[in-house]
Amino acid sequence: TRGIPFAADPSQQLAFMDGESIRRLIDGADYLLTNEYESHLACQKTGWTAEELAQRVRVQVQTRGKDGVTVRVRGEEPIEVSAAREVRRADPTGVGDAFRAGFLTGLSAKLPMRRCAELGSMLATYVLETVGTQEYALRIPEFLERLADAYGADAAEEIAPHISGPRP
């Protein structure tokens, strides 16, 4: 890693990678972002247990679809964040990408891990409600209102200064 923090996000490439390639990618990453299936596949191909996989990185972020996300910071209790309530389900394409965009935005703003996961989950919900991966309209007041409904006013207040977009 040469001392440079990095996030490993192998996603669909896991199916094409062998165990050694996966081990080289994941071992020593600061962050590992996967869904449940990808975590299972990484363990299967590397021979690592789920616990061994988590110990190879500083932070493991595992999305669980409608069941939310689990963030495991090495040496700390897991953080469980529920999925934000959807208004309607249109198309799941791009939901994981949207989660990662929100999570990494929170991370770059130095928000706590819980807030990063909440921001990622709310953004993922917007994509789920829209046909097309980038067709959603993000209006900040509405976004913050929904964020407060899902995770509390404190979450919305803490995240608000770190996001931008149309504010009527």
N, C-alpha and C. Protein backbone atom coordinates (compact mmCIF):
# COMPACT_ATOMS: atom_id res chain seq x y z
N THR A 1 0.81 -1.21 0.00
CA THR A 1 0.00 0.00 0.00
C THR A 1 0.85 1.26 0.00
N ARG A 2 2.13 1.13 0.31
CA ARG A 2 3.06 2.27 0.33
C ARG A 2 2.59 3.39 1.23
N GLY A 3 1.82 3.05 2.25
CA GLY A 3 1.34 4.05 3.20
C GLY A 3 0.18 4.89 2.70
N ILE A 4 -0.36 4.55 1.56
CA ILE A 4 -1.48 5.32 1.00
C ILE A 4 -2.77 4.59 1.34
N PRO A 5 -3.68 5.25 2.08
CA PRO A 5 -4.94 4.59 2.42
C PRO A 5 -5.75 4.31 1.14
N PHE A 6 -6.38 3.14 1.10
CA PHE A 6 -7.21 2.84 -0.07
C PHE A 6 -8.41 2.00 0.31
N ALA A 7 -9.43 2.11 -0.54
CA ALA A 7 -10.66 1.33 -0.38
C ALA A 7 -10.69 0.26 -1.46
N ALA A 8 -10.89 -0.98 -1.05
CA ALA A 8 -11.04 -2.09 -1.99
C ALA A 8 -12.53 -2.31 -2.22
N ASP A 9 -12.91 -2.30 -3.48
CA ASP A 9 -14.30 -2.50 -3.87
C ASP A 9 -14.32 -3.43 -5.08
N PRO A 10 -14.14 -4.74 -4.83
CA PRO A 10 -13.99 -5.67 -5.94
C PRO A 10 -15.26 -5.93 -6.73
N SER A 11 -16.40 -5.74 -6.15
CA SER A 11 -17.73 -5.94 -6.75
C SER A 11 -17.78 -7.07 -7.78
N GLN A 12 -18.28 -6.78 -8.97
CA GLN A 12 -18.50 -7.84 -9.96
C GLN A 12 -17.22 -8.51 -10.43
N GLN A 13 -16.08 -7.89 -10.23
CA GLN A 13 -14.81 -8.47 -10.68
C GLN A 13 -14.44 -9.72 -9.89
N LEU A 14 -15.02 -9.89 -8.70
CA LEU A 14 -14.71 -11.07 -7.88
C LEU A 14 -14.93 -12.37 -8.64
N ALA A 15 -15.95 -12.40 -9.47
CA ALA A 15 -16.26 -13.63 -10.22
C ALA A 15 -15.12 -14.02 -11.16
N PHE A 16 -14.33 -13.05 -11.59
CA PHE A 16 -13.26 -13.31 -12.55
C PHE A 16 -11.89 -13.41 -11.90
N MET A 17 -11.81 -13.13 -10.61
CA MET A 17 -10.52 -13.12 -9.92
C MET A 17 -10.27 -14.45 -9.22
N ASP A 18 -9.00 -14.83 -9.11
CA ASP A 18 -8.67 -16.03 -8.33
C ASP A 18 -8.36 -15.60 -6.89
N GLY A 19 -8.22 -16.59 -6.02
CA GLY A 19 -8.01 -16.32 -4.60
C GLY A 19 -6.81 -15.44 -4.32
N GLU A 20 -5.70 -15.69 -5.00
CA GLU A 20 -4.48 -14.90 -4.77
C GLU A 20 -4.69 -13.44 -5.15
N SER A 21 -5.34 -13.19 -6.26
CA SER A 21 -5.62 -11.81 -6.69
C SER A 21 -6.51 -11.09 -5.69
N ILE A 22 -7.50 -11.80 -5.20
CA ILE A 22 -8.41 -11.22 -4.21
C ILE A 22 -7.66 -10.92 -2.92
N ARG A 23 -6.82 -11.85 -2.48
CA ARG A 23 -6.03 -11.63 -1.26
C ARG A 23 -5.15 -10.39 -1.40
N ARG A 24 -4.49 -10.24 -2.56
CA ARG A 24 -3.61 -9.08 -2.78
C ARG A 24 -4.41 -7.77 -2.77
N LEU A 25 -5.60 -7.80 -3.32
CA LEU A 25 -6.42 -6.59 -3.35
C LEU A 25 -6.91 -6.20 -1.96
N ILE A 26 -7.39 -7.17 -1.21
CA ILE A 26 -8.04 -6.89 0.06
C ILE A 26 -7.06 -6.71 1.21
N ASP A 27 -6.04 -7.53 1.28
CA ASP A 27 -5.14 -7.54 2.43
C ASP A 27 -4.49 -6.17 2.62
N GLY A 28 -4.79 -5.53 3.74
CA GLY A 28 -4.19 -4.25 4.06
C GLY A 28 -4.99 -3.03 3.62
N ALA A 29 -6.13 -3.27 2.97
CA ALA A 29 -6.97 -2.13 2.58
C ALA A 29 -7.49 -1.42 3.83
N ASP A 30 -7.65 -0.13 3.74
CA ASP A 30 -8.26 0.59 4.85
C ASP A 30 -9.75 0.28 4.91
N TYR A 31 -10.37 0.19 3.73
CA TYR A 31 -11.81 -0.05 3.64
C TYR A 31 -12.07 -1.16 2.64
N LEU A 32 -12.99 -2.03 2.99
CA LEU A 32 -13.47 -3.06 2.08
C LEU A 32 -14.98 -2.87 1.96
N LEU A 33 -15.44 -2.62 0.74
CA LEU A 33 -16.87 -2.42 0.49
C LEU A 33 -17.39 -3.56 -0.36
N THR A 34 -18.34 -4.32 0.20
CA THR A 34 -18.94 -5.44 -0.51
C THR A 34 -20.41 -5.56 -0.12
N ASN A 35 -21.14 -6.36 -0.90
CA ASN A 35 -22.46 -6.78 -0.44
C ASN A 35 -22.31 -8.18 0.17
N GLU A 36 -23.39 -8.75 0.66
CA GLU A 36 -23.30 -10.06 1.32
C GLU A 36 -22.75 -11.14 0.39
N TYR A 37 -23.26 -11.17 -0.83
CA TYR A 37 -22.81 -12.18 -1.79
C TYR A 37 -21.32 -12.04 -2.06
N GLU A 38 -20.87 -10.82 -2.28
CA GLU A 38 -19.45 -10.58 -2.58
C GLU A 38 -18.55 -10.98 -1.41
N SER A 39 -18.99 -10.71 -0.18
CA SER A 39 -18.21 -11.13 0.99
C SER A 39 -18.09 -12.65 1.05
N HIS A 40 -19.21 -13.32 0.80
CA HIS A 40 -19.21 -14.78 0.81
C HIS A 40 -18.28 -15.32 -0.28
N LEU A 41 -18.36 -14.74 -1.48
CA LEU A 41 -17.53 -15.19 -2.59
C LEU A 41 -16.05 -14.94 -2.31
N ALA A 42 -15.73 -13.80 -1.71
CA ALA A 42 -14.33 -13.50 -1.36
C ALA A 42 -13.81 -14.53 -0.37
N CYS A 43 -14.61 -14.89 0.62
CA CYS A 43 -14.20 -15.92 1.59
C CYS A 43 -14.01 -17.26 0.90
N GLN A 44 -14.95 -17.61 0.06
CA GLN A 44 -14.88 -18.89 -0.64
C GLN A 44 -13.61 -18.99 -1.49
N LYS A 45 -13.28 -17.93 -2.21
CA LYS A 45 -12.14 -17.97 -3.13
C LYS A 45 -10.79 -17.83 -2.42
N THR A 46 -10.76 -17.11 -1.28
CA THR A 46 -9.49 -16.91 -0.57
C THR A 46 -9.23 -17.99 0.47
N GLY A 47 -10.31 -18.66 0.90
CA GLY A 47 -10.17 -19.63 1.98
C GLY A 47 -10.24 -18.98 3.35
N TRP A 48 -10.46 -17.68 3.41
CA TRP A 48 -10.59 -16.97 4.68
C TRP A 48 -11.99 -17.17 5.25
N THR A 49 -12.10 -17.15 6.57
CA THR A 49 -13.40 -17.10 7.22
C THR A 49 -13.89 -15.66 7.16
N ALA A 50 -15.15 -15.44 7.50
CA ALA A 50 -15.69 -14.07 7.54
C ALA A 50 -14.91 -13.22 8.54
N GLU A 51 -14.54 -13.82 9.67
CA GLU A 51 -13.77 -13.09 10.68
C GLU A 51 -12.37 -12.76 10.16
N GLU A 52 -11.74 -13.70 9.48
CA GLU A 52 -10.41 -13.44 8.91
C GLU A 52 -10.47 -12.35 7.85
N LEU A 53 -11.51 -12.35 7.05
CA LEU A 53 -11.69 -11.31 6.04
C LEU A 53 -11.76 -9.94 6.71
N ALA A 54 -12.57 -9.83 7.75
CA ALA A 54 -12.73 -8.56 8.46
C ALA A 54 -11.42 -8.10 9.09
N GLN A 55 -10.61 -9.03 9.57
CA GLN A 55 -9.34 -8.67 10.21
C GLN A 55 -8.28 -8.19 9.22
N ARG A 56 -8.48 -8.43 7.95
CA ARG A 56 -7.49 -8.04 6.93
C ARG A 56 -7.58 -6.56 6.57
N VAL A 57 -8.66 -5.90 6.98
CA VAL A 57 -8.88 -4.49 6.65
C VAL A 57 -9.18 -3.71 7.92
N ARG A 58 -9.05 -2.39 7.83
CA ARG A 58 -9.37 -1.56 9.00
C ARG A 58 -10.88 -1.43 9.18
N VAL A 59 -11.59 -1.26 8.05
CA VAL A 59 -13.05 -1.08 8.09
C VAL A 59 -13.68 -1.95 7.01
N GLN A 60 -14.63 -2.79 7.41
CA GLN A 60 -15.39 -3.59 6.45
C GLN A 60 -16.81 -3.05 6.39
N VAL A 61 -17.24 -2.70 5.20
CA VAL A 61 -18.59 -2.18 4.98
C VAL A 61 -19.32 -3.21 4.12
N GLN A 62 -20.38 -3.79 4.69
CA GLN A 62 -21.13 -4.82 3.97
C GLN A 62 -22.58 -4.40 3.84
N THR A 63 -23.02 -4.18 2.60
CA THR A 63 -24.41 -3.84 2.39
C THR A 63 -25.23 -5.13 2.38
N ARG A 64 -26.49 -4.99 2.85
CA ARG A 64 -27.36 -6.16 2.99
C ARG A 64 -28.73 -5.91 2.39
N GLY A 65 -28.77 -5.14 1.31
CA GLY A 65 -30.04 -4.88 0.63
C GLY A 65 -31.05 -4.21 1.54
N LYS A 66 -32.26 -4.75 1.56
CA LYS A 66 -33.34 -4.17 2.38
C LYS A 66 -33.04 -4.24 3.87
N ASP A 67 -32.04 -5.04 4.26
CA ASP A 67 -31.68 -5.16 5.67
C ASP A 67 -30.61 -4.16 6.10
N GLY A 68 -30.23 -3.24 5.21
CA GLY A 68 -29.32 -2.17 5.60
C GLY A 68 -27.86 -2.48 5.36
N VAL A 69 -27.03 -2.00 6.25
CA VAL A 69 -25.58 -2.11 6.10
C VAL A 69 -24.94 -2.35 7.47
N THR A 70 -23.86 -3.12 7.46
CA THR A 70 -23.07 -3.34 8.66
C THR A 70 -21.68 -2.77 8.41
N VAL A 71 -21.21 -1.94 9.35
CA VAL A 71 -19.87 -1.38 9.27
C VAL A 71 -19.09 -1.96 10.44
N ARG A 72 -18.00 -2.64 10.12
CA ARG A 72 -17.14 -3.23 11.15
C ARG A 72 -15.80 -2.51 11.14
N VAL A 73 -15.55 -1.75 12.20
CA VAL A 73 -14.26 -1.10 12.38
C VAL A 73 -13.45 -2.01 13.30
N ARG A 74 -12.25 -2.37 12.86
CA ARG A 74 -11.44 -3.31 13.64
C ARG A 74 -11.31 -2.82 15.09
N GLY A 75 -11.61 -3.72 16.03
CA GLY A 75 -11.48 -3.42 17.45
C GLY A 75 -12.68 -2.72 18.06
N GLU A 76 -13.73 -2.50 17.28
CA GLU A 76 -14.93 -1.82 17.78
C GLU A 76 -16.16 -2.70 17.54
N GLU A 77 -17.24 -2.34 18.21
CA GLU A 77 -18.51 -3.04 18.00
C GLU A 77 -19.05 -2.71 16.61
N PRO A 78 -19.69 -3.68 15.93
CA PRO A 78 -20.26 -3.40 14.61
C PRO A 78 -21.33 -2.31 14.68
N ILE A 79 -21.43 -1.55 13.62
CA ILE A 79 -22.44 -0.50 13.48
C ILE A 79 -23.48 -1.02 12.49
N GLU A 80 -24.72 -1.07 12.91
CA GLU A 80 -25.82 -1.52 12.05
C GLU A 80 -26.65 -0.30 11.66
N VAL A 81 -26.86 -0.11 10.38
CA VAL A 81 -27.67 1.00 9.89
C VAL A 81 -28.77 0.41 9.01
N SER A 82 -30.00 0.78 9.30
CA SER A 82 -31.12 0.25 8.51
C SER A 82 -31.14 0.91 7.13
N ALA A 83 -31.78 0.25 6.20
CA ALA A 83 -31.98 0.84 4.87
C ALA A 83 -33.00 1.96 5.02
N ALA A 84 -32.79 3.06 4.31
CA ALA A 84 -33.75 4.15 4.33
C ALA A 84 -35.04 3.68 3.64
N ARG A 85 -36.17 4.14 4.16
CA ARG A 85 -37.45 3.72 3.59
C ARG A 85 -37.61 4.26 2.18
N GLU A 86 -38.00 3.38 1.29
CA GLU A 86 -38.21 3.78 -0.10
C GLU A 86 -39.66 4.21 -0.31
N VAL A 87 -39.86 5.19 -1.18
CA VAL A 87 -41.20 5.64 -1.53
C VAL A 87 -41.80 4.67 -2.54
N ARG A 88 -40.98 4.27 -3.50
CA ARG A 88 -41.38 3.26 -4.49
C ARG A 88 -40.11 2.59 -5.00
N ARG A 89 -40.25 1.36 -5.43
CA ARG A 89 -39.11 0.61 -5.97
C ARG A 89 -39.24 0.61 -7.49
N ALA A 90 -38.20 1.15 -8.16
CA ALA A 90 -38.26 1.21 -9.62
C ALA A 90 -37.20 0.33 -10.28
N ASP A 91 -35.92 0.49 -9.87
CA ASP A 91 -34.84 -0.20 -10.57
C ASP A 91 -33.63 -0.30 -9.64
N PRO A 92 -33.17 -1.51 -9.32
CA PRO A 92 -32.03 -1.64 -8.41
C PRO A 92 -30.66 -1.38 -9.04
N THR A 93 -30.63 -1.17 -10.36
CA THR A 93 -29.35 -0.95 -11.03
C THR A 93 -28.68 0.31 -10.49
N GLY A 94 -27.45 0.18 -10.03
CA GLY A 94 -26.68 1.32 -9.55
C GLY A 94 -26.83 1.63 -8.08
N VAL A 95 -27.65 0.85 -7.37
CA VAL A 95 -27.89 1.13 -5.95
C VAL A 95 -26.59 0.99 -5.14
N GLY A 96 -25.82 -0.05 -5.40
CA GLY A 96 -24.55 -0.23 -4.68
C GLY A 96 -23.57 0.88 -4.97
N ASP A 97 -23.51 1.31 -6.22
CA ASP A 97 -22.63 2.43 -6.58
C ASP A 97 -23.04 3.70 -5.85
N ALA A 98 -24.35 3.94 -5.77
CA ALA A 98 -24.84 5.13 -5.07
C ALA A 98 -24.51 5.05 -3.58
N PHE A 99 -24.66 3.86 -3.00
CA PHE A 99 -24.29 3.71 -1.59
C PHE A 99 -22.83 4.10 -1.39
N ARG A 100 -21.96 3.55 -2.23
CA ARG A 100 -20.53 3.83 -2.08
C ARG A 100 -20.23 5.32 -2.28
N ALA A 101 -20.91 5.96 -3.22
CA ALA A 101 -20.71 7.39 -3.44
C ALA A 101 -21.07 8.18 -2.19
N GLY A 102 -22.20 7.85 -1.58
CA GLY A 102 -22.60 8.53 -0.36
C GLY A 102 -21.67 8.23 0.80
N PHE A 103 -21.32 6.96 0.95
CA PHE A 103 -20.43 6.56 2.05
C PHE A 103 -19.08 7.27 1.92
N LEU A 104 -18.51 7.25 0.72
CA LEU A 104 -17.20 7.87 0.52
C LEU A 104 -17.26 9.39 0.62
N THR A 105 -18.39 9.99 0.27
CA THR A 105 -18.57 11.43 0.48
C THR A 105 -18.51 11.74 1.97
N GLY A 106 -19.21 10.95 2.75
CA GLY A 106 -19.17 11.14 4.20
C GLY A 106 -17.77 10.93 4.76
N LEU A 107 -17.10 9.94 4.25
CA LEU A 107 -15.73 9.65 4.68
C LEU A 107 -14.80 10.82 4.37
N SER A 108 -14.92 11.37 3.17
CA SER A 108 -14.05 12.49 2.79
C SER A 108 -14.35 13.73 3.62
N ALA A 109 -15.57 13.83 4.15
CA ALA A 109 -15.95 14.94 5.02
C ALA A 109 -15.60 14.66 6.48
N LYS A 110 -14.99 13.50 6.72
CA LYS A 110 -14.59 13.08 8.07
C LYS A 110 -15.78 12.92 9.02
N LEU A 111 -16.90 12.47 8.45
CA LEU A 111 -18.06 12.17 9.27
C LEU A 111 -17.84 10.83 9.97
N PRO A 112 -18.51 10.61 11.10
CA PRO A 112 -18.42 9.30 11.76
C PRO A 112 -18.95 8.19 10.85
N MET A 113 -18.49 6.98 11.08
CA MET A 113 -18.86 5.84 10.24
C MET A 113 -20.38 5.67 10.13
N ARG A 114 -21.09 5.85 11.23
CA ARG A 114 -22.55 5.71 11.19
C ARG A 114 -23.14 6.71 10.20
N ARG A 115 -22.68 7.95 10.24
CA ARG A 115 -23.20 8.98 9.34
C ARG A 115 -22.85 8.66 7.88
N CYS A 116 -21.64 8.14 7.65
CA CYS A 116 -21.25 7.75 6.29
C CYS A 116 -22.23 6.71 5.75
N ALA A 117 -22.56 5.71 6.58
CA ALA A 117 -23.47 4.64 6.17
C ALA A 117 -24.88 5.18 5.96
N GLU A 118 -25.31 6.11 6.81
CA GLU A 118 -26.65 6.70 6.65
C GLU A 118 -26.73 7.51 5.35
N LEU A 119 -25.71 8.29 5.08
CA LEU A 119 -25.68 9.07 3.84
C LEU A 119 -25.69 8.14 2.62
N GLY A 120 -24.89 7.10 2.67
CA GLY A 120 -24.86 6.13 1.58
C GLY A 120 -26.20 5.44 1.39
N SER A 121 -26.84 5.06 2.49
CA SER A 121 -28.13 4.38 2.40
C SER A 121 -29.22 5.28 1.83
N MET A 122 -29.21 6.55 2.23
CA MET A 122 -30.23 7.46 1.72
C MET A 122 -30.04 7.70 0.23
N LEU A 123 -28.80 7.89 -0.20
CA LEU A 123 -28.54 8.10 -1.63
C LEU A 123 -28.90 6.84 -2.43
N ALA A 124 -28.60 5.67 -1.89
CA ALA A 124 -28.94 4.42 -2.56
C ALA A 124 -30.46 4.30 -2.75
N THR A 125 -31.21 4.76 -1.77
CA THR A 125 -32.67 4.71 -1.87
C THR A 125 -33.17 5.59 -3.01
N TYR A 126 -32.57 6.75 -3.19
CA TYR A 126 -32.95 7.61 -4.32
C TYR A 126 -32.76 6.89 -5.65
N VAL A 127 -31.65 6.20 -5.80
CA VAL A 127 -31.38 5.48 -7.05
C VAL A 127 -32.37 4.33 -7.22
N LEU A 128 -32.69 3.63 -6.14
CA LEU A 128 -33.65 2.53 -6.19
C LEU A 128 -35.02 2.99 -6.67
N GLU A 129 -35.36 4.23 -6.36
CA GLU A 129 -36.68 4.77 -6.70
C GLU A 129 -36.77 5.31 -8.13
N THR A 130 -35.68 5.24 -8.87
CA THR A 130 -35.60 5.85 -10.20
C THR A 130 -35.16 4.82 -11.23
N VAL A 131 -35.73 4.87 -12.41
CA VAL A 131 -35.26 4.03 -13.51
C VAL A 131 -34.05 4.73 -14.11
N GLY A 132 -32.92 4.03 -14.12
CA GLY A 132 -31.67 4.63 -14.61
C GLY A 132 -30.77 4.96 -13.43
N THR A 133 -29.49 4.76 -13.62
CA THR A 133 -28.55 4.88 -12.50
C THR A 133 -28.24 6.32 -12.11
N GLN A 134 -28.44 7.27 -13.00
CA GLN A 134 -28.12 8.66 -12.69
C GLN A 134 -29.26 9.60 -13.04
N GLU A 135 -30.46 9.09 -13.04
CA GLU A 135 -31.61 9.88 -13.46
C GLU A 135 -32.36 10.52 -12.29
N TYR A 136 -31.96 10.26 -11.08
CA TYR A 136 -32.66 10.80 -9.92
C TYR A 136 -32.37 12.30 -9.79
N ALA A 137 -33.31 13.01 -9.17
CA ALA A 137 -33.12 14.43 -8.89
C ALA A 137 -32.92 14.58 -7.39
N LEU A 138 -31.79 15.09 -7.01
CA LEU A 138 -31.47 15.25 -5.59
C LEU A 138 -31.70 16.70 -5.20
N ARG A 139 -32.80 16.95 -4.52
CA ARG A 139 -33.10 18.28 -4.00
C ARG A 139 -32.74 18.26 -2.52
N ILE A 140 -31.80 19.08 -2.15
CA ILE A 140 -31.21 19.01 -0.82
C ILE A 140 -32.23 19.12 0.31
N PRO A 141 -33.16 20.08 0.30
CA PRO A 141 -34.12 20.13 1.42
C PRO A 141 -34.91 18.83 1.59
N GLU A 142 -35.38 18.28 0.47
CA GLU A 142 -36.13 17.02 0.53
C GLU A 142 -35.23 15.87 1.00
N PHE A 143 -34.01 15.84 0.49
CA PHE A 143 -33.05 14.80 0.87
C PHE A 143 -32.81 14.84 2.38
N LEU A 144 -32.59 16.04 2.92
CA LEU A 144 -32.32 16.18 4.36
C LEU A 144 -33.55 15.83 5.20
N GLU A 145 -34.73 16.16 4.69
CA GLU A 145 -35.97 15.80 5.39
C GLU A 145 -36.12 14.28 5.46
N ARG A 146 -35.87 13.62 4.36
CA ARG A 146 -35.97 12.16 4.34
C ARG A 146 -34.88 11.53 5.21
N LEU A 147 -33.70 12.13 5.19
CA LEU A 147 -32.60 11.65 6.03
C LEU A 147 -32.99 11.76 7.51
N ALA A 148 -33.60 12.89 7.89
CA ALA A 148 -34.05 13.08 9.27
C ALA A 148 -35.14 12.07 9.63
N ASP A 149 -36.06 11.82 8.71
CA ASP A 149 -37.12 10.84 8.96
C ASP A 149 -36.54 9.45 9.17
N ALA A 150 -35.51 9.11 8.40
CA ALA A 150 -34.92 7.77 8.48
C ALA A 150 -33.98 7.61 9.66
N TYR A 151 -33.17 8.64 9.95
CA TYR A 151 -32.08 8.46 10.92
C TYR A 151 -32.06 9.50 12.04
N GLY A 152 -33.01 10.42 12.03
CA GLY A 152 -33.09 11.41 13.09
C GLY A 152 -32.55 12.77 12.65
N ALA A 153 -33.05 13.81 13.34
CA ALA A 153 -32.66 15.19 13.01
C ALA A 153 -31.17 15.41 13.19
N ASP A 154 -30.57 14.77 14.20
CA ASP A 154 -29.13 14.94 14.43
C ASP A 154 -28.32 14.47 13.22
N ALA A 155 -28.74 13.38 12.61
CA ALA A 155 -28.03 12.87 11.43
C ALA A 155 -28.11 13.88 10.30
N ALA A 156 -29.30 14.40 10.04
CA ALA A 156 -29.47 15.37 8.96
C ALA A 156 -28.65 16.63 9.22
N GLU A 157 -28.65 17.11 10.46
CA GLU A 157 -27.89 18.32 10.80
C GLU A 157 -26.39 18.10 10.64
N GLU A 158 -25.91 16.95 11.01
CA GLU A 158 -24.48 16.67 10.92
C GLU A 158 -24.02 16.48 9.47
N ILE A 159 -24.88 15.91 8.65
CA ILE A 159 -24.53 15.64 7.25
C ILE A 159 -24.73 16.86 6.36
N ALA A 160 -25.72 17.70 6.65
CA ALA A 160 -26.11 18.82 5.79
C ALA A 160 -24.96 19.69 5.28
N PRO A 161 -24.02 20.10 6.11
CA PRO A 161 -22.96 20.99 5.60
C PRO A 161 -22.03 20.34 4.58
N HIS A 162 -22.12 19.03 4.44
CA HIS A 162 -21.16 18.30 3.61
C HIS A 162 -21.72 17.83 2.27
N ILE A 163 -22.96 18.22 1.97
CA ILE A 163 -23.54 17.84 0.68
C ILE A 163 -23.97 19.11 -0.06
N SER A 164 -23.97 19.03 -1.36
CA SER A 164 -24.35 20.20 -2.14
C SER A 164 -25.29 19.78 -3.26
N GLY A 165 -26.01 20.74 -3.76
CA GLY A 165 -26.97 20.51 -4.82
C GLY A 165 -27.98 21.63 -4.81
N PRO A 166 -29.03 21.53 -5.62
CA PRO A 166 -30.03 22.60 -5.68
C PRO A 166 -30.70 22.81 -4.33
N ARG A 167 -30.72 24.05 -3.90
CA ARG A 167 -31.41 24.44 -2.67
C ARG A 167 -32.34 25.59 -3.03
N PRO A 168 -33.62 25.28 -3.28
CA PRO A 168 -34.55 26.35 -3.71
C PRO A 168 -34.70 27.44 -2.66
